[in-house]
Amino acid sequence: MRGSYRNYTPEQIEKLFDLVIEENYTAKDATLVTGINVCTAQNYIKTYNNDIQRRLPGTYDKPRERPHSELTNEYSKFLLDHIEKNPTATLDELKVMVCEEFEGLKIPILAIYRHLVSNCHFILKKSKKLQQQEILIE
């Protein structure tokens, strides 16, 4: 069973690496001096050894980037023209039309939705399936 999480200070982490790298301590021996959990220390050392830039764990943030939209102004113009001709078009139909027009483009429906809302300033509504009512002739 996992114990409680602990936060280690940068000084503790730095001391751990000083002992392991400069004074040739084992990870276990260095943890006795620094007070860091053995498994955590081994993980820090493994992360450090696998990092090309040799940065100390916990001293940097991992870069987080969202993928940029593949849809450009050319796609926007095509979508707007198609919507003007067919105002009841669904996102599925728009995706098929865009992928047929621009070969090699693979884009999810959500990306088309976001593009229409944010770049083209559209407001889209969910349509309900219309049920056919049976007309009884008596």
Protein backbone atom coordinates (compact mmCIF):
# COMPACT_ATOMS: atom_id res chain seq x y z
CA MET A 1 0.00 0.00 0.00
CA ARG A 2 1.31 3.41 -0.96
CA GLY A 3 2.22 5.84 1.81
CA SER A 4 1.55 9.54 1.89
CA TYR A 5 3.17 11.78 -0.71
CA ARG A 6 6.08 13.91 0.38
CA ASN A 7 7.51 17.06 -1.09
CA TYR A 8 11.26 17.34 -1.05
CA THR A 9 13.07 20.65 -1.07
CA PRO A 10 15.43 21.54 -3.90
CA GLU A 11 18.24 21.47 -1.34
CA GLN A 12 17.46 17.83 -0.46
CA ILE A 13 17.40 16.84 -4.13
CA GLU A 14 20.61 18.72 -4.84
CA LYS A 15 22.31 17.09 -1.84
CA LEU A 16 21.17 13.67 -3.09
CA PHE A 17 22.81 14.26 -6.47
CA ASP A 18 25.97 15.67 -4.90
CA LEU A 19 26.34 12.52 -2.84
CA VAL A 20 25.56 10.15 -5.72
CA ILE A 21 27.54 11.89 -8.48
CA GLU A 22 30.47 13.52 -6.71
CA GLU A 23 30.99 11.28 -3.69
CA ASN A 24 29.95 7.97 -5.34
CA TYR A 25 27.29 7.11 -2.77
CA THR A 26 24.68 4.54 -3.70
CA ALA A 27 21.10 5.80 -3.91
CA LYS A 28 20.25 3.94 -0.71
CA ASP A 29 23.16 5.43 1.24
CA ALA A 30 22.37 8.93 -0.04
CA THR A 31 18.75 8.62 1.09
CA LEU A 32 19.84 7.94 4.66
CA VAL A 33 21.66 11.29 4.66
CA THR A 34 19.03 13.36 2.81
CA GLY A 35 15.81 11.84 4.18
CA ILE A 36 14.41 11.10 0.73
CA ASN A 37 12.53 7.83 0.19
CA VAL A 38 14.69 5.14 -1.46
CA CYS A 39 12.30 4.50 -4.37
CA THR A 40 11.90 8.22 -4.97
CA ALA A 41 15.67 8.74 -4.97
CA GLN A 42 16.18 5.89 -7.42
CA ASN A 43 13.48 7.37 -9.65
CA TYR A 44 15.15 10.82 -9.50
CA ILE A 45 18.50 9.32 -10.47
CA LYS A 46 16.97 7.29 -13.30
CA THR A 47 15.18 10.40 -14.61
CA TYR A 48 18.42 12.38 -14.42
CA ASN A 49 20.38 9.70 -16.28
CA ASN A 50 17.74 9.43 -19.03
CA ASP A 51 17.50 13.21 -19.54
CA ILE A 52 19.69 14.43 -22.40
CA GLN A 53 20.12 17.87 -20.83
CA ARG A 54 20.94 16.38 -17.40
CA ARG A 55 18.45 18.56 -15.51
CA LEU A 56 17.64 17.81 -11.90
CA PRO A 57 14.13 16.43 -11.37
CA GLY A 58 11.68 18.95 -10.00
CA THR A 59 13.68 21.95 -11.22
CA TYR A 60 11.90 22.37 -14.56
CA ASP A 61 8.40 22.13 -15.98
CA LYS A 62 7.61 19.71 -18.75
CA PRO A 63 6.59 21.61 -21.89
CA ARG A 64 2.91 21.26 -22.68
CA GLU A 65 1.79 22.20 -26.13
CA ARG A 66 -1.53 21.76 -27.79
CA PRO A 67 -1.47 20.78 -31.42
CA HIS A 68 -2.14 23.67 -33.74
CA SER A 69 -5.20 23.56 -35.93
CA GLU A 70 -4.60 22.38 -39.45
CA LEU A 71 -7.46 24.50 -40.75
CA THR A 72 -6.38 27.68 -42.53
CA ASN A 73 -8.24 30.58 -44.14
CA GLU A 74 -8.58 28.53 -47.32
CA TYR A 75 -10.47 25.86 -45.41
CA SER A 76 -12.56 28.53 -43.67
CA LYS A 77 -13.62 30.00 -47.00
CA PHE A 78 -14.55 26.55 -48.30
CA LEU A 79 -16.57 25.75 -45.16
CA LEU A 80 -18.40 29.08 -45.27
CA ASP A 81 -19.26 28.65 -48.96
CA HIS A 82 -20.55 25.14 -48.32
CA ILE A 83 -22.63 26.26 -45.33
CA GLU A 84 -24.17 29.11 -47.34
CA LYS A 85 -25.25 26.63 -50.01
CA ASN A 86 -26.46 24.08 -47.47
CA PRO A 87 -27.32 25.70 -44.10
CA THR A 88 -28.54 22.41 -42.62
CA ALA A 89 -25.23 20.62 -43.16
CA THR A 90 -23.99 18.55 -40.25
CA LEU A 91 -20.44 18.44 -38.95
CA ASP A 92 -20.09 14.94 -40.40
CA GLU A 93 -21.01 16.24 -43.85
CA LEU A 94 -18.63 19.18 -43.50
CA LYS A 95 -15.79 16.85 -42.53
CA VAL A 96 -16.42 14.62 -45.54
CA MET A 97 -16.61 17.61 -47.90
CA VAL A 98 -13.39 19.17 -46.57
CA CYS A 99 -11.48 15.87 -46.71
CA GLU A 100 -12.68 15.25 -50.28
CA GLU A 101 -11.79 18.77 -51.42
CA PHE A 102 -8.37 18.86 -49.76
CA GLU A 103 -6.69 15.50 -50.25
CA GLY A 104 -4.49 14.23 -47.45
CA LEU A 105 -6.25 16.23 -44.75
CA LYS A 106 -7.19 14.16 -41.72
CA ILE A 107 -9.01 16.16 -39.10
CA PRO A 108 -11.49 15.23 -36.37
CA ILE A 109 -15.01 16.60 -36.25
CA LEU A 110 -14.23 18.40 -32.99
CA ALA A 111 -11.50 20.41 -34.74
CA ILE A 112 -13.99 21.52 -37.41
CA TYR A 113 -16.47 22.48 -34.68
CA ARG A 114 -13.86 24.50 -32.77
CA HIS A 115 -12.68 26.18 -35.96
CA LEU A 116 -16.21 27.22 -36.93
CA VAL A 117 -16.96 28.57 -33.46
CA SER A 118 -13.67 30.36 -32.76
CA ASN A 119 -12.45 31.49 -36.19
CA CYS A 120 -15.66 31.79 -38.20
CA HIS A 121 -17.80 32.98 -35.25
CA PHE A 122 -20.57 30.46 -35.80
CA ILE A 123 -23.09 29.38 -33.23
CA LEU A 124 -24.02 25.76 -33.73
CA LYS A 125 -27.07 24.11 -32.26
CA LYS A 126 -27.71 20.44 -31.73
CA SER A 127 -30.51 19.23 -33.91
CA LYS A 128 -33.04 16.74 -32.69
CA LYS A 129 -34.15 13.82 -34.75
CA LEU A 130 -37.65 14.45 -36.00
CA GLN A 131 -39.94 11.55 -35.47
CA GLN A 132 -42.46 10.92 -38.14
CA GLN A 133 -45.94 10.95 -36.79
CA GLU A 134 -48.27 8.45 -38.23
CA ILE A 135 -51.42 9.92 -39.61
CA LEU A 136 -54.34 7.69 -38.95
CA ILE A 137 -57.12 7.94 -41.42
CA GLU A 138 -60.36 6.71 -40.01
